[in-house]
Protein backbone atom coordinates (compact mmCIF):
# COMPACT_ATOMS: atom_id res chain seq x y z
CA MET A 1 24.60 -76.75 25.95
CA ARG A 2 23.95 -73.41 27.64
CA ARG A 3 27.41 -72.17 26.70
CA ARG A 4 26.96 -73.11 23.05
CA GLU A 5 23.54 -71.48 23.06
CA PHE A 6 25.04 -68.27 24.52
CA PHE A 7 27.66 -68.00 21.80
CA ARG A 8 25.10 -68.77 19.11
CA VAL A 9 22.78 -66.00 20.31
CA PHE A 10 25.61 -63.56 21.03
CA GLY A 11 27.19 -64.21 17.65
CA GLY A 12 23.92 -63.61 15.90
CA ALA A 13 23.39 -60.35 17.76
CA ALA A 14 26.92 -59.20 17.01
CA ALA A 15 26.44 -59.90 13.33
CA ALA A 16 23.13 -58.08 13.24
CA TRP A 17 24.38 -55.00 15.14
CA PRO A 18 26.35 -53.42 12.26
CA LEU A 19 23.31 -53.86 10.02
CA ALA A 20 21.17 -52.02 12.55
CA VAL A 21 23.72 -49.23 12.79
CA ARG A 22 23.88 -48.87 9.02
CA ALA A 23 20.10 -48.80 8.81
CA GLN A 24 19.99 -46.08 11.46
CA GLN A 25 22.65 -44.06 9.66
CA ALA A 26 20.73 -44.34 6.41
CA SER A 27 17.50 -43.01 7.92
CA VAL A 28 18.63 -40.56 10.61
CA PRO A 29 21.54 -38.14 10.19
CA ILE A 30 24.31 -38.38 12.78
CA VAL A 31 25.91 -35.27 14.23
CA ALA A 32 29.35 -36.14 15.58
CA LEU A 33 30.57 -34.02 18.48
CA ILE A 34 34.29 -34.24 19.14
CA SER A 35 36.47 -32.45 21.69
CA SER A 36 39.77 -33.01 23.44
CA GLY A 37 38.21 -33.08 26.92
CA ARG A 38 38.12 -35.79 29.57
CA SER A 39 35.58 -38.59 29.92
CA SER A 40 35.06 -37.60 33.57
CA GLY A 41 34.98 -33.89 32.78
CA ARG A 42 32.76 -33.63 29.75
CA LEU A 43 31.41 -30.31 28.64
CA PRO A 44 28.63 -29.12 30.95
CA GLU A 45 25.31 -30.65 29.94
CA SER A 46 23.87 -27.14 29.81
CA LEU A 47 26.22 -26.26 26.93
CA ILE A 48 25.39 -29.44 25.03
CA GLY A 49 21.75 -28.53 25.65
CA ILE A 50 22.34 -25.15 24.03
CA PHE A 51 23.95 -26.89 21.05
CA ARG A 52 20.76 -28.97 20.80
CA GLN A 53 18.78 -25.74 20.96
CA GLY A 54 20.65 -24.47 17.91
CA LEU A 55 19.83 -27.71 16.08
CA ALA A 56 16.19 -27.37 17.14
CA GLU A 57 16.04 -23.90 15.59
CA GLN A 58 16.66 -25.67 12.29
CA GLY A 59 14.02 -28.32 12.98
CA TYR A 60 16.20 -31.14 14.36
CA ALA A 61 15.54 -32.86 17.69
CA GLU A 62 17.71 -35.59 19.18
CA GLY A 63 15.83 -38.88 19.37
CA ARG A 64 13.35 -37.80 16.70
CA ASN A 65 15.14 -36.92 13.47
CA VAL A 66 18.82 -36.65 14.41
CA VAL A 67 21.38 -38.63 16.42
CA ILE A 68 24.12 -36.88 18.40
CA ASP A 69 27.26 -38.90 19.13
CA TYR A 70 29.79 -37.27 21.48
CA ARG A 71 33.41 -38.47 21.71
CA HIS A 72 36.26 -37.04 23.78
CA GLY A 73 40.04 -37.22 23.56
CA ASP A 74 40.53 -37.51 27.34
CA ASN A 75 43.05 -34.62 27.16
CA GLN A 76 45.26 -36.68 24.84
CA TYR A 77 45.47 -34.77 21.59
CA GLU A 78 46.97 -37.76 19.79
CA ARG A 79 43.68 -39.67 20.26
CA LEU A 80 41.69 -37.13 18.26
CA ALA A 81 42.91 -38.40 14.88
CA GLY A 82 41.49 -41.86 15.61
CA LEU A 83 38.17 -40.44 16.82
CA ALA A 84 37.83 -38.28 13.73
CA ALA A 85 38.72 -41.21 11.47
CA GLU A 86 36.03 -43.33 13.15
CA PHE A 87 33.39 -40.70 12.40
CA VAL A 88 34.58 -40.54 8.79
CA ARG A 89 34.23 -44.32 8.44
CA ARG A 90 30.67 -44.06 9.74
CA GLN A 91 29.90 -41.36 7.17
CA VAL A 92 28.27 -39.02 9.68
CA ALA A 93 26.29 -36.07 8.36
CA VAL A 94 28.44 -33.42 10.01
CA ILE A 95 31.34 -33.26 12.48
CA ALA A 96 31.05 -30.56 15.15
CA ALA A 97 34.55 -29.91 16.53
CA LEU A 98 34.36 -28.12 19.85
CA ASN A 99 37.93 -26.84 20.13
CA SER A 100 40.97 -26.21 17.96
CA PRO A 101 42.75 -29.59 18.37
CA ALA A 102 39.54 -31.42 17.47
CA ALA A 103 38.95 -29.17 14.47
CA LEU A 104 42.46 -29.75 13.16
CA ALA A 105 42.10 -33.53 13.58
CA ALA A 106 38.78 -33.51 11.73
CA LYS A 107 40.21 -31.41 8.91
CA VAL A 108 43.04 -33.90 8.42
CA ALA A 109 40.63 -36.85 8.53
CA THR A 110 38.26 -35.70 5.78
CA THR A 111 37.93 -33.28 2.90
CA THR A 112 34.33 -34.24 2.11
CA ILE A 113 32.30 -34.59 5.33
CA PRO A 114 31.20 -31.12 6.51
CA ILE A 115 32.94 -29.78 9.64
CA VAL A 116 31.53 -27.10 11.94
CA PHE A 117 34.14 -25.85 14.40
CA MET A 118 33.90 -23.71 17.53
CA ILE A 119 37.35 -22.35 18.38
CA PRO A 120 39.00 -19.46 20.25
CA ASP A 121 41.60 -19.07 17.51
CA ASP A 122 42.01 -17.68 14.01
CA PRO A 123 40.75 -20.45 11.66
CA VAL A 124 42.57 -18.89 8.70
CA LYS A 125 45.90 -18.97 10.51
CA LEU A 126 45.25 -22.58 11.56
CA GLY A 127 44.54 -23.56 7.95
CA LEU A 128 40.94 -24.59 8.59
CA VAL A 129 39.48 -22.12 6.06
CA ALA A 130 40.76 -19.93 3.24
CA SER A 131 39.07 -16.82 4.62
CA LEU A 132 36.34 -15.91 7.10
CA SER A 133 33.88 -14.76 4.44
CA ARG A 134 34.70 -17.52 1.94
CA PRO A 135 35.79 -20.67 3.82
CA GLY A 136 36.57 -22.45 0.56
CA GLY A 137 36.38 -26.08 1.68
CA ASN A 138 34.44 -28.49 3.89
CA ALA A 139 34.82 -26.52 7.13
CA THR A 140 33.19 -23.46 8.66
CA GLY A 141 31.97 -22.51 12.10
CA VAL A 142 32.31 -20.07 14.96
CA SER A 143 35.49 -18.26 15.94
CA PHE A 144 35.76 -16.09 19.00
CA LEU A 145 38.95 -14.18 18.27
CA LEU A 146 40.26 -12.94 21.60
CA SER A 147 42.88 -10.49 20.40
CA ASP A 148 42.19 -8.05 23.22
CA LEU A 149 41.34 -10.59 25.92
CA GLY A 150 44.77 -10.62 27.60
CA PRO A 151 45.07 -6.83 27.92
CA LYS A 152 41.55 -6.53 29.34
CA GLN A 153 42.21 -9.36 31.80
CA LEU A 154 45.37 -7.60 32.98
CA GLY A 155 43.35 -4.42 33.39
CA PHE A 156 40.76 -6.15 35.55
CA LEU A 157 43.49 -7.73 37.69
CA ARG A 158 45.14 -4.35 38.22
CA GLU A 159 41.82 -2.92 39.36
CA LEU A 160 41.43 -5.73 41.86
CA VAL A 161 45.10 -5.95 42.89
CA PRO A 162 46.38 -2.40 42.27
CA ASP A 163 49.76 -3.06 43.91
CA ALA A 164 50.57 -6.04 41.66
CA LYS A 165 54.05 -5.68 40.16
CA ARG A 166 54.64 -9.23 38.89
CA ILE A 167 51.94 -11.27 37.20
CA GLY A 168 52.08 -14.87 36.03
CA LEU A 169 50.75 -16.28 32.75
CA LEU A 170 49.88 -19.98 32.53
CA VAL A 171 49.91 -21.46 29.02
CA ASN A 172 49.78 -24.90 27.43
CA PRO A 173 52.82 -25.35 25.13
CA HIS A 174 50.79 -27.74 22.95
CA ASN A 175 48.11 -25.15 22.22
CA ALA A 176 48.18 -24.26 18.52
CA ASN A 177 47.78 -20.58 19.44
CA VAL A 178 50.26 -20.45 22.34
CA GLU A 179 52.68 -17.98 20.75
CA ASP A 180 49.89 -15.51 20.01
CA ILE A 181 48.58 -15.84 23.58
CA LYS A 182 52.02 -15.12 25.03
CA LYS A 183 52.76 -12.27 22.66
CA GLU A 184 49.47 -10.52 23.41
CA VAL A 185 49.89 -10.65 27.19
CA VAL A 186 53.61 -9.84 27.13
CA THR A 187 52.91 -6.74 25.06
CA ALA A 188 50.08 -5.63 27.34
CA ALA A 189 52.17 -6.24 30.48
CA SER A 190 55.07 -4.23 29.09
CA ALA A 191 52.76 -1.31 28.30
CA ILE A 192 51.70 -1.00 31.96
CA LYS A 193 55.16 -1.84 33.32
CA ILE A 194 54.24 -5.23 34.74
CA ASP A 195 56.88 -7.95 35.12
CA LEU A 196 55.44 -11.08 33.49
CA LYS A 197 56.40 -14.63 34.44
CA VAL A 198 55.31 -17.23 31.86
CA VAL A 199 54.89 -20.84 33.02
CA GLU A 200 53.82 -23.84 30.97
CA ALA A 201 51.79 -26.97 31.72
CA SER A 202 50.25 -29.71 29.59
CA ASP A 203 49.21 -32.26 32.25
CA SER A 204 47.97 -32.20 35.84
CA ARG A 205 51.42 -32.78 37.35
CA GLU A 206 52.88 -29.89 35.35
CA ILE A 207 50.07 -27.64 36.60
CA GLU A 208 51.20 -28.37 40.16
CA VAL A 209 54.81 -27.59 39.21
CA ALA A 210 53.76 -24.39 37.43
CA PHE A 211 52.00 -23.08 40.55
CA ALA A 212 55.03 -23.92 42.68
CA THR A 213 57.19 -21.95 40.24
CA LEU A 214 54.82 -18.98 40.39
CA ILE A 215 54.95 -18.94 44.18
CA ASP A 216 58.75 -19.26 44.17
CA ASN A 217 58.86 -16.25 41.86
CA ARG A 218 56.56 -14.28 44.17
CA VAL A 219 53.96 -13.37 41.56
CA ASP A 220 51.12 -11.17 42.79
CA ALA A 221 48.41 -12.44 40.45
CA LEU A 222 47.83 -14.84 37.57
CA VAL A 223 46.30 -14.89 34.09
CA VAL A 224 45.28 -18.38 32.93
CA GLY A 225 45.61 -18.59 29.16
CA THR A 226 42.84 -19.79 26.87
CA ASP A 227 43.11 -23.57 26.49
CA SER A 228 40.64 -26.47 26.39
CA PHE A 229 42.87 -28.61 28.63
CA PHE A 230 42.91 -25.90 31.30
CA PHE A 231 39.13 -25.61 31.02
CA ASN A 232 38.82 -29.32 31.74
CA ARG A 233 41.22 -28.96 34.70
CA ARG A 234 39.46 -25.87 36.08
CA ILE A 235 38.73 -27.47 39.47
CA GLN A 236 42.41 -28.27 39.99
CA ILE A 237 43.53 -24.82 38.82
CA THR A 238 41.05 -22.80 40.90
CA THR A 239 41.80 -24.99 43.94
CA LEU A 240 45.54 -24.37 43.59
CA ALA A 241 44.96 -20.62 43.21
CA ALA A 242 42.93 -20.61 46.43
CA ARG A 243 45.48 -22.78 48.27
CA HIS A 244 48.32 -20.44 47.35
CA VAL A 245 46.20 -17.30 47.95
CA LEU A 246 46.87 -16.22 44.38
CA PRO A 247 44.35 -13.88 42.69
CA ALA A 248 43.68 -15.21 39.19
CA ILE A 249 41.58 -14.32 36.18
CA TYR A 250 40.29 -16.89 33.69
CA ASN A 251 38.64 -16.84 30.26
CA ALA A 252 35.35 -18.65 30.89
CA HIS A 253 32.49 -18.22 33.33
CA ASP A 254 32.77 -21.86 34.42
CA TYR A 255 36.03 -21.05 36.25
CA ALA A 256 34.24 -18.49 38.43
CA GLU A 257 31.48 -21.01 39.09
CA ALA A 258 34.18 -23.47 40.16
CA GLY A 259 35.52 -21.01 42.74
CA GLY A 260 37.78 -18.89 40.56
CA LEU A 261 38.12 -15.23 41.50
CA MET A 262 37.19 -13.66 38.18
CA SER A 263 36.63 -14.58 34.55
CA TYR A 264 36.45 -12.57 31.39
CA GLY A 265 35.90 -14.27 28.08
CA THR A 266 33.55 -15.15 25.30
CA SER A 267 29.96 -16.18 25.90
CA LEU A 268 30.20 -19.96 25.45
CA PRO A 269 26.42 -20.48 25.38
CA GLU A 270 26.04 -18.20 22.37
CA ALA A 271 28.95 -19.90 20.57
CA PHE A 272 27.43 -23.35 21.20
CA ARG A 273 24.04 -22.19 19.93
CA GLN A 274 25.54 -20.79 16.74
CA THR A 275 27.48 -24.02 16.20
CA GLY A 276 24.26 -26.02 16.53
CA VAL A 277 22.48 -23.72 14.07
CA TYR A 278 25.22 -24.21 11.47
CA ALA A 279 25.16 -27.99 11.98
CA GLY A 280 21.41 -27.96 11.35
CA ARG A 281 21.72 -25.82 8.24
CA ILE A 282 24.32 -28.22 6.84
CA ILE A 283 22.09 -31.25 7.51
CA LYS A 284 19.39 -29.43 5.54
CA GLY A 285 21.72 -29.30 2.57
CA GLU A 286 23.72 -26.06 2.79
CA LYS A 287 27.44 -26.33 2.08
CA PRO A 288 30.21 -25.10 4.42
CA VAL A 289 31.77 -23.24 1.51
CA ALA A 290 28.67 -21.00 1.40
CA LEU A 291 28.53 -20.35 5.16
CA PRO A 292 30.92 -17.62 6.34
CA VAL A 293 32.74 -18.12 9.61
CA LEU A 294 30.81 -16.42 12.41
CA GLN A 295 32.77 -14.25 14.82
CA SER A 296 31.36 -14.34 18.33
CA THR A 297 32.35 -11.09 20.03
CA LYS A 298 30.13 -11.13 23.11
CA CYS A 299 32.29 -11.33 26.25
CA VAL A 300 31.17 -11.90 29.83
CA LEU A 301 32.75 -10.66 33.06
CA SER A 302 32.05 -12.74 36.18
CA THR A 303 33.24 -12.02 39.73
CA ASN A 304 33.18 -14.43 42.67
CA LEU A 305 32.77 -12.39 45.87
CA PRO A 306 33.26 -15.27 48.37
CA THR A 307 36.58 -16.07 46.71
CA ALA A 308 37.59 -12.41 46.82
CA ARG A 309 36.84 -12.30 50.55
CA ALA A 310 38.82 -15.51 51.12
CA LEU A 311 41.79 -13.89 49.36
CA GLY A 312 41.43 -10.73 51.47
CA LEU A 313 40.45 -8.58 48.48
CA ASN A 314 37.92 -5.79 48.36
CA VAL A 315 36.20 -5.72 44.99
CA PRO A 316 35.72 -2.07 43.88
CA PRO A 317 32.05 -1.11 43.40
CA THR A 318 32.88 0.06 39.88
CA LEU A 319 34.09 -3.43 38.99
CA ILE A 320 30.99 -5.04 40.49
CA ALA A 321 28.80 -2.66 38.50
CA ARG A 322 30.51 -3.68 35.23
CA ALA A 323 30.27 -7.42 35.90
CA ASP A 324 27.72 -9.40 33.92
CA GLU A 325 27.43 -11.80 36.85
CA VAL A 326 28.37 -11.42 40.51
CA ILE A 327 28.53 -14.68 42.42
CA GLU A 328 27.43 -13.95 45.99
């Protein structure tokens, strides 16, 4: 009797659950967050909090008048299409895509539900919008175009490791912008007569192999290319750099916080806030077609002094003075 009673109650609850979800969707708008990251390495809560802050600036507070649903691809880009399709079936109010692979998956999944992206790439070149000033479809967002990031990173490395003759570049071959990343750094390296060794990795095992290749090729320093997968594997990458006594520069402050030597890249908090603001404006009724793509140009230089000492490097006072943050 108890077993039959269990299935009767459970069955009734299961049948009622979709009705409850539909009722919630009808009364409270859902903001869908989607990224290609890992379930165990989600975006820092502080950044999601800043996204919420952007929503709050438009009058939306999670748990009061908006629901935020975050899904991740667990570093498997092929999963993103299914996640985006699920959000489309639920008819969410807006999809916030927090990197390029997620934005592309969302764009394929829907031409009607508004998409707000936050990407380190050119959205026009990726086909997400017709132009920055006139997006022309259901997508808009924040783009931090890093056309001069590679050259500046090389410059900072040369200041810190002035005798460096051969520098490595780590890229993800599955990154939609990989050719532009390589071209930019190759050109900059050639201009200052640096021998560049490009290595590729798209999973944790390949990262290990890439570092072994760099050491075999006797590189003096390393530039880690912009990539959401690398960001999610930042602990592994910074640990390998320390193990192999390899000075490296990264593109986000979180690498330096994780023990990386130095980072120079866009201000992620500001990009997350702007993405939240746009999501809120869309919930209010504005259309993506009328919202120009924002270009976040604020970059942050962080230096980790304990890591520099562990690598036997003396950070020049001029470099410390220019850093936005010095980790003591």
